[in-house]
Amino acid sequence: MRYLTLSLLCACSLSTRVAQVAANGALAADWWQTRHEASAGWKSYAEENPVMGTNPDQVAVDGYMAVSMGAVNLVGAALPRQWQRTAWFAAVALFEGEIVRENWSAGDRP
């Protein structure tokens, strides 16, 4: 029983780390795509995030995405239960992954 409990704890911890890496990877990919469009002068794409506006410059993109990535990790760290942290990071990964997929489908391929 002791080994089963230890195995479950390790699995939960590992799944949270995997979800956190996936969330940060998806955020980084979105950052990369958005920054690429900003550097190209928004010729083929308009930003849909109302906080950044339709044509933010690279500084605005970098600032927003850095704060977003930090906030995602701070919220995840502040959640009291392991399953909540895993769910939070998985939700962010899925949401951001869909944004990256949509950007890619629209031709945003740096």
PDB file of N, CA and C in Angstrom:
ATOM      1  N   MET A   1       0.825  -1.196   0.000  1.00  0.00           N
ATOM      2  CA  MET A   1       0.000   0.000   0.000  1.00  0.00           C
ATOM      3  C   MET A   1       0.868   1.257   0.000  1.00  0.00           C
ATOM      4  N   ARG A   2       1.955   1.207   0.732  1.00  0.00           N
ATOM      5  CA  ARG A   2       2.856   2.349   0.812  1.00  0.00           C
ATOM      6  C   ARG A   2       3.426   2.672  -0.571  1.00  0.00           C
ATOM      7  N   TYR A   3       3.768   1.660  -1.356  1.00  0.00           N
ATOM      8  CA  TYR A   3       4.332   1.884  -2.683  1.00  0.00           C
ATOM      9  C   TYR A   3       3.280   2.405  -3.662  1.00  0.00           C
ATOM     10  N   LEU A   4       2.045   1.944  -3.498  1.00  0.00           N
ATOM     11  CA  LEU A   4       0.959   2.438  -4.336  1.00  0.00           C
ATOM     12  C   LEU A   4       0.730   3.930  -4.086  1.00  0.00           C
ATOM     13  N   THR A   5       0.717   4.331  -2.832  1.00  0.00           N
ATOM     14  CA  THR A   5       0.542   5.738  -2.482  1.00  0.00           C
ATOM     15  C   THR A   5       1.686   6.574  -3.046  1.00  0.00           C
ATOM     16  N   LEU A   6       2.903   6.087  -2.886  1.00  0.00           N
ATOM     17  CA  LEU A   6       4.070   6.795  -3.411  1.00  0.00           C
ATOM     18  C   LEU A   6       3.992   6.901  -4.932  1.00  0.00           C
ATOM     19  N   SER A   7       3.569   5.836  -5.586  1.00  0.00           N
ATOM     20  CA  SER A   7       3.438   5.853  -7.043  1.00  0.00           C
ATOM     21  C   SER A   7       2.393   6.870  -7.489  1.00  0.00           C
ATOM     22  N   LEU A   8       1.264   6.918  -6.804  1.00  0.00           N
ATOM     23  CA  LEU A   8       0.224   7.880  -7.153  1.00  0.00           C
ATOM     24  C   LEU A   8       0.689   9.312  -6.944  1.00  0.00           C
ATOM     25  N   LEU A   9       1.411   9.550  -5.855  1.00  0.00           N
ATOM     26  CA  LEU A   9       1.936  10.898  -5.611  1.00  0.00           C
ATOM     27  C   LEU A   9       2.919  11.309  -6.696  1.00  0.00           C
ATOM     28  N   CYS A  10       3.770  10.398  -7.098  1.00  0.00           N
ATOM     29  CA  CYS A  10       4.733  10.697  -8.161  1.00  0.00           C
ATOM     30  C   CYS A  10       4.014  10.954  -9.482  1.00  0.00           C
ATOM     31  N   ALA A  11       2.980  10.154  -9.766  1.00  0.00           N
ATOM     32  CA  ALA A  11       2.229  10.325 -11.008  1.00  0.00           C
ATOM     33  C   ALA A  11       1.531  11.686 -11.032  1.00  0.00           C
ATOM     34  N   CYS A  12       0.937  12.087  -9.908  1.00  0.00           N
ATOM     35  CA  CYS A  12       0.279  13.404  -9.848  1.00  0.00           C
ATOM     36  C   CYS A  12       1.290  14.516 -10.030  1.00  0.00           C
ATOM     37  N   SER A  13       2.414  14.387  -9.377  1.00  0.00           N
ATOM     38  CA  SER A  13       3.453  15.398  -9.484  1.00  0.00           C
ATOM     39  C   SER A  13       3.972  15.474 -10.917  1.00  0.00           C
ATOM     40  N   LEU A  14       4.192  14.319 -11.536  1.00  0.00           N
ATOM     41  CA  LEU A  14       4.687  14.284 -12.901  1.00  0.00           C
ATOM     42  C   LEU A  14       3.656  14.872 -13.859  1.00  0.00           C
ATOM     43  N   SER A  15       2.382  14.530 -13.677  1.00  0.00           N
ATOM     44  CA  SER A  15       1.365  15.055 -14.583  1.00  0.00           C
ATOM     45  C   SER A  15       1.237  16.565 -14.449  1.00  0.00           C
ATOM     46  N   THR A  16       1.405  17.090 -13.254  1.00  0.00           N
ATOM     47  CA  THR A  16       1.373  18.544 -13.081  1.00  0.00           C
ATOM     48  C   THR A  16       2.550  19.185 -13.797  1.00  0.00           C
ATOM     49  N   ARG A  17       3.714  18.591 -13.668  1.00  0.00           N
ATOM     50  CA  ARG A  17       4.900  19.147 -14.342  1.00  0.00           C
ATOM     51  C   ARG A  17       4.749  19.084 -15.860  1.00  0.00           C
ATOM     52  N   VAL A  18       4.217  17.974 -16.347  1.00  0.00           N
ATOM     53  CA  VAL A  18       3.988  17.845 -17.792  1.00  0.00           C
ATOM     54  C   VAL A  18       2.996  18.902 -18.260  1.00  0.00           C
ATOM     55  N   ALA A  19       1.915  19.088 -17.525  1.00  0.00           N
ATOM     56  CA  ALA A  19       0.921  20.096 -17.886  1.00  0.00           C
ATOM     57  C   ALA A  19       1.518  21.500 -17.822  1.00  0.00           C
ATOM     58  N   GLN A  20       2.368  21.756 -16.832  1.00  0.00           N
ATOM     59  CA  GLN A  20       3.000  23.073 -16.709  1.00  0.00           C
ATOM     60  C   GLN A  20       3.949  23.321 -17.885  1.00  0.00           C
ATOM     61  N   VAL A  21       4.724  22.332 -18.243  1.00  0.00           N
ATOM     62  CA  VAL A  21       5.623  22.473 -19.393  1.00  0.00           C
ATOM     63  C   VAL A  21       4.812  22.687 -20.674  1.00  0.00           C
ATOM     64  N   ALA A  22       3.722  21.944 -20.825  1.00  0.00           N
ATOM     65  CA  ALA A  22       2.869  22.105 -22.008  1.00  0.00           C
ATOM     66  C   ALA A  22       2.270  23.511 -22.062  1.00  0.00           C
ATOM     67  N   ALA A  23       1.810  24.018 -20.925  1.00  0.00           N
ATOM     68  CA  ALA A  23       1.233  25.364 -20.879  1.00  0.00           C
ATOM     69  C   ALA A  23       2.278  26.412 -21.249  1.00  0.00           C
ATOM     70  N   ASN A  24       3.455  26.299 -20.673  1.00  0.00           N
ATOM     71  CA  ASN A  24       4.506  27.270 -20.974  1.00  0.00           C
ATOM     72  C   ASN A  24       4.996  27.145 -22.407  1.00  0.00           C
ATOM     73  N   GLY A  25       5.035  25.937 -22.922  1.00  0.00           N
ATOM     74  CA  GLY A  25       5.421  25.743 -24.321  1.00  0.00           C
ATOM     75  C   GLY A  25       4.417  26.365 -25.274  1.00  0.00           C
ATOM     76  N   ALA A  26       3.130  26.193 -24.984  1.00  0.00           N
ATOM     77  CA  ALA A  26       2.093  26.784 -25.826  1.00  0.00           C
ATOM     78  C   ALA A  26       2.121  28.309 -25.737  1.00  0.00           C
ATOM     79  N   LEU A  27       2.337  28.844 -24.541  1.00  0.00           N
ATOM     80  CA  LEU A  27       2.466  30.298 -24.383  1.00  0.00           C
ATOM     81  C   LEU A  27       3.670  30.820 -25.162  1.00  0.00           C
ATOM     82  N   ALA A  28       4.776  30.095 -25.105  1.00  0.00           N
ATOM     83  CA  ALA A  28       5.983  30.512 -25.830  1.00  0.00           C
ATOM     84  C   ALA A  28       5.748  30.485 -27.342  1.00  0.00           C
ATOM     85  N   ALA A  29       5.026  29.472 -27.827  1.00  0.00           N
ATOM     86  CA  ALA A  29       4.727  29.401 -29.261  1.00  0.00           C
ATOM     87  C   ALA A  29       3.828  30.560 -29.691  1.00  0.00           C
ATOM     88  N   ASP A  30       2.836  30.888 -28.872  1.00  0.00           N
ATOM     89  CA  ASP A  30       1.967  32.030 -29.168  1.00  0.00           C
ATOM     90  C   ASP A  30       2.779  33.322 -29.167  1.00  0.00           C
ATOM     91  N   TRP A  31       3.661  33.455 -28.198  1.00  0.00           N
ATOM     92  CA  TRP A  31       4.540  34.626 -28.106  1.00  0.00           C
ATOM     93  C   TRP A  31       5.369  34.749 -29.382  1.00  0.00           C
ATOM     94  N   TRP A  32       5.944  33.637 -29.805  1.00  0.00           N
ATOM     95  CA  TRP A  32       6.795  33.621 -30.999  1.00  0.00           C
ATOM     96  C   TRP A  32       6.004  34.042 -32.232  1.00  0.00           C
ATOM     97  N   GLN A  33       4.812  33.464 -32.402  1.00  0.00           N
ATOM     98  CA  GLN A  33       3.991  33.817 -33.555  1.00  0.00           C
ATOM     99  C   GLN A  33       3.575  35.288 -33.523  1.00  0.00           C
ATOM    100  N   THR A  34       3.153  35.756 -32.364  1.00  0.00           N
ATOM    101  CA  THR A  34       2.695  37.141 -32.242  1.00  0.00           C
ATOM    102  C   THR A  34       3.844  38.111 -32.465  1.00  0.00           C
ATOM    103  N   ARG A  35       4.994  37.803 -31.917  1.00  0.00           N
ATOM    104  CA  ARG A  35       6.174  38.657 -32.090  1.00  0.00           C
ATOM    105  C   ARG A  35       6.606  38.697 -33.556  1.00  0.00           C
ATOM    106  N   HIS A  36       6.503  37.566 -34.222  1.00  0.00           N
ATOM    107  CA  HIS A  36       6.850  37.512 -35.639  1.00  0.00           C
ATOM    108  C   HIS A  36       5.957  38.452 -36.449  1.00  0.00           C
ATOM    109  N   GLU A  37       4.669  38.417 -36.186  1.00  0.00           N
ATOM    110  CA  GLU A  37       3.754  39.301 -36.901  1.00  0.00           C
ATOM    111  C   GLU A  37       4.028  40.770 -36.568  1.00  0.00           C
ATOM    112  N   ALA A  38       4.341  41.048 -35.299  1.00  0.00           N
ATOM    113  CA  ALA A  38       4.661  42.429 -34.914  1.00  0.00           C
ATOM    114  C   ALA A  38       5.913  42.914 -35.642  1.00  0.00           C
ATOM    115  N   SER A  39       6.910  42.051 -35.763  1.00  0.00           N
ATOM    116  CA  SER A  39       8.151  42.453 -36.444  1.00  0.00           C
ATOM    117  C   SER A  39       7.938  42.634 -37.941  1.00  0.00           C
ATOM    118  N   ALA A  40       6.935  41.931 -38.508  1.00  0.00           N
ATOM    119  CA  ALA A  40       6.634  42.056 -39.935  1.00  0.00           C
ATOM    120  C   ALA A  40       5.678  43.217 -40.224  1.00  0.00           C
ATOM    121  N   GLY A  41       5.245  43.912 -39.185  1.00  0.00           N
ATOM    122  CA  GLY A  41       4.359  45.054 -39.375  1.00  0.00           C
ATOM    123  C   GLY A  41       2.900  44.688 -39.540  1.00  0.00           C
ATOM    124  N   TRP A  42       2.522  43.504 -39.094  1.00  0.00           N
ATOM    125  CA  TRP A  42       1.125  43.060 -39.132  1.00  0.00           C
ATOM    126  C   TRP A  42       0.552  43.104 -40.545  1.00  0.00           C
ATOM    127  N   LYS A  43       1.328  42.651 -41.527  1.00  0.00           N
ATOM    128  CA  LYS A  43       0.883  42.683 -42.923  1.00  0.00           C
ATOM    129  C   LYS A  43      -0.183  41.639 -43.230  1.00  0.00           C
ATOM    130  N   SER A  44      -0.081  40.482 -42.608  1.00  0.00           N
ATOM    131  CA  SER A  44      -0.998  39.402 -42.983  1.00  0.00           C
ATOM    132  C   SER A  44      -1.912  38.957 -41.842  1.00  0.00           C
ATOM    133  N   TYR A  45      -1.879  39.664 -40.743  1.00  0.00           N
ATOM    134  CA  TYR A  45      -2.580  39.182 -39.562  1.00  0.00           C
ATOM    135  C   TYR A  45      -2.868  40.352 -38.643  1.00  0.00           C
ATOM    136  N   ALA A  46      -3.984  40.332 -37.931  1.00  0.00           N
ATOM    137  CA  ALA A  46      -4.304  41.355 -36.931  1.00  0.00           C
ATOM    138  C   ALA A  46      -4.482  40.664 -35.588  1.00  0.00           C
ATOM    139  N   GLU A  47      -3.908  41.214 -34.564  1.00  0.00           N
ATOM    140  CA  GLU A  47      -4.020  40.639 -33.221  1.00  0.00           C
ATOM    141  C   GLU A  47      -5.470  40.724 -32.759  1.00  0.00           C
ATOM    142  N   GLU A  48      -5.947  39.644 -32.157  1.00  0.00           N
ATOM    143  CA  GLU A  48      -7.333  39.598 -31.679  1.00  0.00           C
ATOM    144  C   GLU A  48      -7.454  39.811 -30.174  1.00  0.00           C
ATOM    145  N   ASN A  49      -6.342  39.915 -29.481  1.00  0.00           N
ATOM    146  CA  ASN A  49      -6.368  40.127 -28.040  1.00  0.00           C
ATOM    147  C   ASN A  49      -6.699  41.605 -27.772  1.00  0.00           C
ATOM    148  N   PRO A  50      -7.830  41.887 -27.140  1.00  0.00           N
ATOM    149  CA  PRO A  50      -8.223  43.285 -26.931  1.00  0.00           C
ATOM    150  C   PRO A  50      -7.293  44.048 -25.983  1.00  0.00           C
ATOM    151  N   VAL A  51      -6.576  43.358 -25.147  1.00  0.00           N
ATOM    152  CA  VAL A  51      -5.656  44.028 -24.233  1.00  0.00           C
ATOM    153  C   VAL A  51      -4.475  44.628 -24.992  1.00  0.00           C
ATOM    154  N   MET A  52      -3.988  43.921 -26.007  1.00  0.00           N
ATOM    155  CA  MET A  52      -2.836  44.397 -26.771  1.00  0.00           C
ATOM    156  C   MET A  52      -3.222  45.322 -27.913  1.00  0.00           C
ATOM    157  N   GLY A  53      -4.470  45.273 -28.361  1.00  0.00           N
ATOM    158  CA  GLY A  53      -4.866  46.063 -29.515  1.00  0.00           C
ATOM    159  C   GLY A  53      -4.612  45.285 -30.799  1.00  0.00           C
ATOM    160  N   THR A  54      -5.006  45.857 -31.933  1.00  0.00           N
ATOM    161  CA  THR A  54      -4.923  45.118 -33.185  1.00  0.00           C
ATOM    162  C   THR A  54      -3.519  45.037 -33.764  1.00  0.00           C
ATOM    163  N   ASN A  55      -2.675  46.026 -33.523  1.00  0.00           N
ATOM    164  CA  ASN A  55      -1.331  46.040 -34.102  1.00  0.00           C
ATOM    165  C   ASN A  55      -0.267  46.438 -33.075  1.00  0.00           C
ATOM    166  N   PRO A  56      -0.071  45.647 -32.025  1.00  0.00           N
ATOM    167  CA  PRO A  56       0.937  46.020 -31.022  1.00  0.00           C
ATOM    168  C   PRO A  56       2.354  45.891 -31.577  1.00  0.00           C
ATOM    169  N   ASP A  57       3.264  46.693 -31.043  1.00  0.00           N
ATOM    170  CA  ASP A  57       4.660  46.562 -31.455  1.00  0.00           C
ATOM    171  C   ASP A  57       5.331  45.438 -30.654  1.00  0.00           C
ATOM    172  N   GLN A  58       6.575  45.158 -30.975  1.00  0.00           N
ATOM    173  CA  GLN A  58       7.292  44.050 -30.328  1.00  0.00           C
ATOM    174  C   GLN A  58       7.438  44.251 -28.826  1.00  0.00           C
ATOM    175  N   VAL A  59       7.625  45.485 -28.391  1.00  0.00           N
ATOM    176  CA  VAL A  59       7.772  45.767 -26.965  1.00  0.00           C
ATOM    177  C   VAL A  59       6.477  45.436 -26.218  1.00  0.00           C
ATOM    178  N   ALA A  60       5.352  45.830 -26.794  1.00  0.00           N
ATOM    179  CA  ALA A  60       4.059  45.529 -26.172  1.00  0.00           C
ATOM    180  C   ALA A  60       3.808  44.023 -26.136  1.00  0.00           C
ATOM    181  N   VAL A  61       4.142  43.340 -27.217  1.00  0.00           N
ATOM    182  CA  VAL A  61       3.976  41.877 -27.269  1.00  0.00           C
ATOM    183  C   VAL A  61       4.840  41.221 -26.202  1.00  0.00           C
ATOM    184  N   ASP A  62       6.110  41.622 -26.142  1.00  0.00           N
ATOM    185  CA  ASP A  62       7.021  41.029 -25.154  1.00  0.00           C
ATOM    186  C   ASP A  62       6.550  41.286 -23.732  1.00  0.00           C
ATOM    187  N   GLY A  63       6.131  42.499 -23.458  1.00  0.00           N
ATOM    188  CA  GLY A  63       5.661  42.826 -22.113  1.00  0.00           C
ATOM    189  C   GLY A  63       4.428  42.040 -21.725  1.00  0.00           C
ATOM    190  N   TYR A  64       3.455  42.008 -22.623  1.00  0.00           N
ATOM    191  CA  TYR A  64       2.214  41.294 -22.341  1.00  0.00           C
ATOM    192  C   TYR A  64       2.470  39.804 -22.142  1.00  0.00           C
ATOM    193  N   MET A  65       3.226  39.209 -23.038  1.00  0.00           N
ATOM    194  CA  MET A  65       3.436  37.760 -22.963  1.00  0.00           C
ATOM    195  C   MET A  65       4.290  37.373 -21.749  1.00  0.00           C
ATOM    196  N   ALA A  66       5.266  38.191 -21.394  1.00  0.00           N
ATOM    197  CA  ALA A  66       6.075  37.905 -20.207  1.00  0.00           C
ATOM    198  C   ALA A  66       5.218  37.951 -18.943  1.00  0.00           C
ATOM    199  N   VAL A  67       4.370  38.971 -18.856  1.00  0.00           N
ATOM    200  CA  VAL A  67       3.468  39.080 -17.695  1.00  0.00           C
ATOM    201  C   VAL A  67       2.480  37.914 -17.689  1.00  0.00           C
ATOM    202  N   SER A  68       1.957  37.565 -18.853  1.00  0.00           N
ATOM    203  CA  SER A  68       1.010  36.442 -18.941  1.00  0.00           C
ATOM    204  C   SER A  68       1.648  35.138 -18.489  1.00  0.00           C
ATOM    205  N   MET A  69       2.844  34.878 -18.960  1.00  0.00           N
ATOM    206  CA  MET A  69       3.519  33.638 -18.592  1.00  0.00           C
ATOM    207  C   MET A  69       3.809  33.613 -17.094  1.00  0.00           C
ATOM    208  N   GLY A  70       4.253  34.722 -16.556  1.00  0.00           N
ATOM    209  CA  GLY A  70       4.495  34.793 -15.121  1.00  0.00           C
ATOM    210  C   GLY A  70       3.225  34.593 -14.322  1.00  0.00           C
ATOM    211  N   ALA A  71       2.138  35.228 -14.766  1.00  0.00           N
ATOM    212  CA  ALA A  71       0.860  35.106 -14.055  1.00  0.00           C
ATOM    213  C   ALA A  71       0.328  33.679 -14.086  1.00  0.00           C
ATOM    214  N   VAL A  72       0.447  33.019 -15.223  1.00  0.00           N
ATOM    215  CA  VAL A  72      -0.009  31.622 -15.327  1.00  0.00           C
ATOM    216  C   VAL A  72       0.729  30.753 -14.317  1.00  0.00           C
ATOM    217  N   ASN A  73       2.034  30.945 -14.215  1.00  0.00           N
ATOM    218  CA  ASN A  73       2.823  30.125 -13.286  1.00  0.00           C
ATOM    219  C   ASN A  73       2.567  30.495 -11.828  1.00  0.00           C
ATOM    220  N   LEU A  74       2.355  31.774 -11.548  1.00  0.00           N
ATOM    221  CA  LEU A  74       2.037  32.187 -10.172  1.00  0.00           C
ATOM    222  C   LEU A  74       0.683  31.654  -9.724  1.00  0.00           C
ATOM    223  N   VAL A  75      -0.308  31.730 -10.596  1.00  0.00           N
ATOM    224  CA  VAL A  75      -1.632  31.193 -10.252  1.00  0.00           C
ATOM    225  C   VAL A  75      -1.521  29.692 -10.012  1.00  0.00           C
ATOM    226  N   GLY A  76      -0.831  28.999 -10.889  1.00  0.00           N
ATOM    227  CA  GLY A  76      -0.654  27.557 -10.719  1.00  0.00           C
ATOM    228  C   GLY A  76       0.027  27.209  -9.412  1.00  0.00           C
ATOM    229  N   ALA A  77       1.051  27.961  -9.052  1.00  0.00           N
ATOM    230  CA  ALA A  77       1.769  27.699  -7.804  1.00  0.00           C
ATOM    231  C   ALA A  77       0.911  28.004  -6.580  1.00  0.00           C
ATOM    232  N   ALA A  78      -0.015  28.934  -6.713  1.00  0.00           N
ATOM    233  CA  ALA A  78      -0.847  29.343  -5.579  1.00  0.00           C
ATOM    234  C   ALA A  78      -2.024  28.403  -5.323  1.00  0.00           C
ATOM    235  N   LEU A  79      -2.366  27.585  -6.290  1.00  0.00           N
ATOM    236  CA  LEU A  79      -3.502  26.681  -6.099  1.00  0.00           C
ATOM    237  C   LEU A  79      -3.174  25.645  -5.028  1.00  0.00           C
ATOM    238  N   PRO A  80      -4.116  25.395  -4.121  1.00  0.00           N
ATOM    239  CA  PRO A  80      -3.798  24.569  -2.951  1.00  0.00           C
ATOM    240  C   PRO A  80      -3.699  23.064  -3.206  1.00  0.00           C
ATOM    241  N   ARG A  81      -4.385  22.558  -4.205  1.00  0.00           N
ATOM    242  CA  ARG A  81      -4.396  21.107  -4.410  1.00  0.00           C
ATOM    243  C   ARG A  81      -3.701  20.733  -5.702  1.00  0.00           C
ATOM    244  N   GLN A  82      -3.071  19.563  -5.681  1.00  0.00           N
ATOM    245  CA  GLN A  82      -2.341  19.066  -6.837  1.00  0.00           C
ATOM    246  C   GLN A  82      -3.233  18.972  -8.076  1.00  0.00           C
ATOM    247  N   TRP A  83      -4.425  18.418  -7.921  1.00  0.00           N
ATOM    248  CA  TRP A  83      -5.304  18.249  -9.075  1.00  0.00           C
ATOM    249  C   TRP A  83      -5.720  19.601  -9.648  1.00  0.00           C
ATOM    250  N   GLN A  84      -5.828  20.630  -8.793  1.00  0.00           N
ATOM    251  CA  GLN A  84      -6.189  21.963  -9.275  1.00  0.00           C
ATOM    252  C   GLN A  84      -5.055  22.555 -10.119  1.00  0.00           C
ATOM    253  N   ARG A  85      -3.818  22.335  -9.658  1.00  0.00           N
ATOM    254  CA  ARG A  85      -2.674  22.824 -10.422  1.00  0.00           C
ATOM    255  C   ARG A  85      -2.599  22.122 -11.775  1.00  0.00           C
ATOM    256  N   THR A  86      -2.796  20.805 -11.768  1.00  0.00           N
ATOM    257  CA  THR A  86      -2.763  20.050 -13.019  1.00  0.00           C
ATOM    258  C   THR A  86      -3.856  20.534 -13.961  1.00  0.00           C
ATOM    259  N   ALA A  87      -5.069  20.694 -13.444  1.00  0.00           N
ATOM    260  CA  ALA A  87      -6.188  21.152 -14.273  1.00  0.00           C
ATOM    261  C   ALA A  87      -5.930  22.557 -14.822  1.00  0.00           C
ATOM    262  N   TRP A  88      -5.386  23.446 -13.992  1.00  0.00           N
ATOM    263  CA  TRP A  88      -5.099  24.816 -14.418  1.00  0.00           C
ATOM    264  C   TRP A  88      -4.116  24.823 -15.589  1.00  0.00           C
ATOM    265  N   PHE A  89      -2.992  24.133 -15.401  1.00  0.00           N
ATOM    266  CA  PHE A  89      -1.978  24.131 -16.453  1.00  0.00           C
ATOM    267  C   PHE A  89      -2.473  23.423 -17.710  1.00  0.00           C
ATOM    268  N   ALA A  90      -3.253  22.360 -17.544  1.00  0.00           N
ATOM    269  CA  ALA A  90      -3.810  21.656 -18.712  1.00  0.00           C
ATOM    270  C   ALA A  90      -4.774  22.556 -19.468  1.00  0.00           C
ATOM    271  N   ALA A  91      -5.606  23.315 -18.744  1.00  0.00           N
ATOM    272  CA  ALA A  91      -6.549  24.226 -19.398  1.00  0.00           C
ATOM    273  C   ALA A  91      -5.810  25.313 -20.169  1.00  0.00           C
ATOM    274  N   VAL A  92      -4.762  25.874 -19.567  1.00  0.00           N
ATOM    275  CA  VAL A  92      -3.973  26.898 -20.261  1.00  0.00           C
ATOM    276  C   VAL A  92      -3.315  26.301 -21.504  1.00  0.00           C
ATOM    277  N   ALA A  93      -2.775  25.095 -21.373  1.00  0.00           N
ATOM    278  CA  ALA A  93      -2.128  24.434 -22.515  1.00  0.00           C
ATOM    279  C   ALA A  93      -3.118  24.210 -23.650  1.00  0.00           C
ATOM    280  N   LEU A  94      -4.318  23.764 -23.322  1.00  0.00           N
ATOM    281  CA  LEU A  94      -5.332  23.536 -24.350  1.00  0.00           C
ATOM    282  C   LEU A  94      -5.778  24.841 -25.006  1.00  0.00           C
ATOM    283  N   PHE A  95      -6.020  25.857 -24.199  1.00  0.00           N
ATOM    284  CA  PHE A  95      -6.457  27.159 -24.716  1.00  0.00           C
ATOM    285  C   PHE A  95      -5.391  27.765 -25.623  1.00  0.00           C
ATOM    286  N   GLU A  96      -4.169  27.835 -25.129  1.00  0.00           N
ATOM    287  CA  GLU A  96      -3.085  28.435 -25.909  1.00  0.00           C
ATOM    288  C   GLU A  96      -2.733  27.571 -27.122  1.00  0.00           C
ATOM    289  N   GLY A  97      -2.828  26.261 -26.962  1.00  0.00           N
ATOM    290  CA  GLY A  97      -2.572  25.369 -28.091  1.00  0.00           C
ATOM    291  C   GLY A  97      -3.546  25.611 -29.224  1.00  0.00           C
ATOM    292  N   GLU A  98      -4.795  25.868 -28.886  1.00  0.00           N
ATOM    293  CA  GLU A  98      -5.797  26.167 -29.905  1.00  0.00           C
ATOM    294  C   GLU A  98      -5.491  27.497 -30.593  1.00  0.00           C
ATOM    295  N   ILE A  99      -5.027  28.477 -29.837  1.00  0.00           N
ATOM    296  CA  ILE A  99      -4.650  29.765 -30.432  1.00  0.00           C
ATOM    297  C   ILE A  99      -3.494  29.578 -31.420  1.00  0.00           C
ATOM    298  N   VAL A 100      -2.504  28.812 -31.011  1.00  0.00           N
ATOM    299  CA  VAL A 100      -1.358  28.557 -31.887  1.00  0.00           C
ATOM    300  C   VAL A 100      -1.815  27.825 -33.150  1.00  0.00           C
ATOM    301  N   ARG A 101      -2.711  26.858 -32.995  1.00  0.00           N
ATOM    302  CA  ARG A 101      -3.226  26.119 -34.150  1.00  0.00           C
ATOM    303  C   ARG A 101      -3.983  27.047 -35.107  1.00  0.00           C
ATOM    304  N   GLU A 102      -4.816  27.931 -34.536  1.00  0.00           N
ATOM    305  CA  GLU A 102      -5.552  28.891 -35.370  1.00  0.00           C
ATOM    306  C   GLU A 102      -4.599  29.835 -36.099  1.00  0.00           C
ATOM    307  N   ASN A 103      -3.591  30.311 -35.390  1.00  0.00           N
ATOM    308  CA  ASN A 103      -2.604  31.186 -36.022  1.00  0.00           C
ATOM    309  C   ASN A 103      -1.904  30.467 -37.183  1.00  0.00           C
ATOM    310  N   TRP A 104      -1.539  29.223 -36.941  1.00  0.00           N
ATOM    311  CA  TRP A 104      -0.852  28.426 -37.958  1.00  0.00           C
ATOM    312  C   TRP A 104      -1.770  28.233 -39.173  1.00  0.00           C
ATOM    313  N   SER A 105      -3.030  27.921 -38.914  1.00  0.00           N
ATOM    314  CA  SER A 105      -3.997  27.724 -40.002  1.00  0.00           C
ATOM    315  C   SER A 105      -4.205  28.995 -40.813  1.00  0.00           C
ATOM    316  N   ALA A 106      -4.101  30.143 -40.143  1.00  0.00           N
ATOM    317  CA  ALA A 106      -4.268  31.429 -40.829  1.00  0.00           C
ATOM    318  C   ALA A 106      -3.008  31.853 -41.587  1.00  0.00           C
ATOM    319  N   GLY A 107      -1.965  31.048 -41.501  1.00  0.00           N
ATOM    320  CA  GLY A 107      -0.740  31.351 -42.250  1.00  0.00           C
ATOM    321  C   GLY A 107       0.357  31.987 -41.434  1.00  0.00           C
ATOM    322  N   ASP A 108       0.182  32.104 -40.125  1.00  0.00           N
ATOM    323  CA  ASP A 108       1.225  32.696 -39.276  1.00  0.00           C
ATOM    324  C   ASP A 108       2.250  31.617 -38.958  1.00  0.00           C
ATOM    325  N   ARG A 109       3.227  31.489 -39.855  1.00  0.00           N
ATOM    326  CA  ARG A 109       4.260  30.459 -39.717  1.00  0.00           C
ATOM    327  C   ARG A 109       5.635  31.094 -39.802  1.00  0.00           C
ATOM    328  N   PRO A 110       6.142  31.547 -38.657  1.00  0.00           N
ATOM    329  CA  PRO A 110       7.462  32.223 -38.660  1.00  0.00           C
ATOM    330  C   PRO A 110       8.575  31.313 -39.127  1.00  0.00           C
TER     331      PRO A 110
END
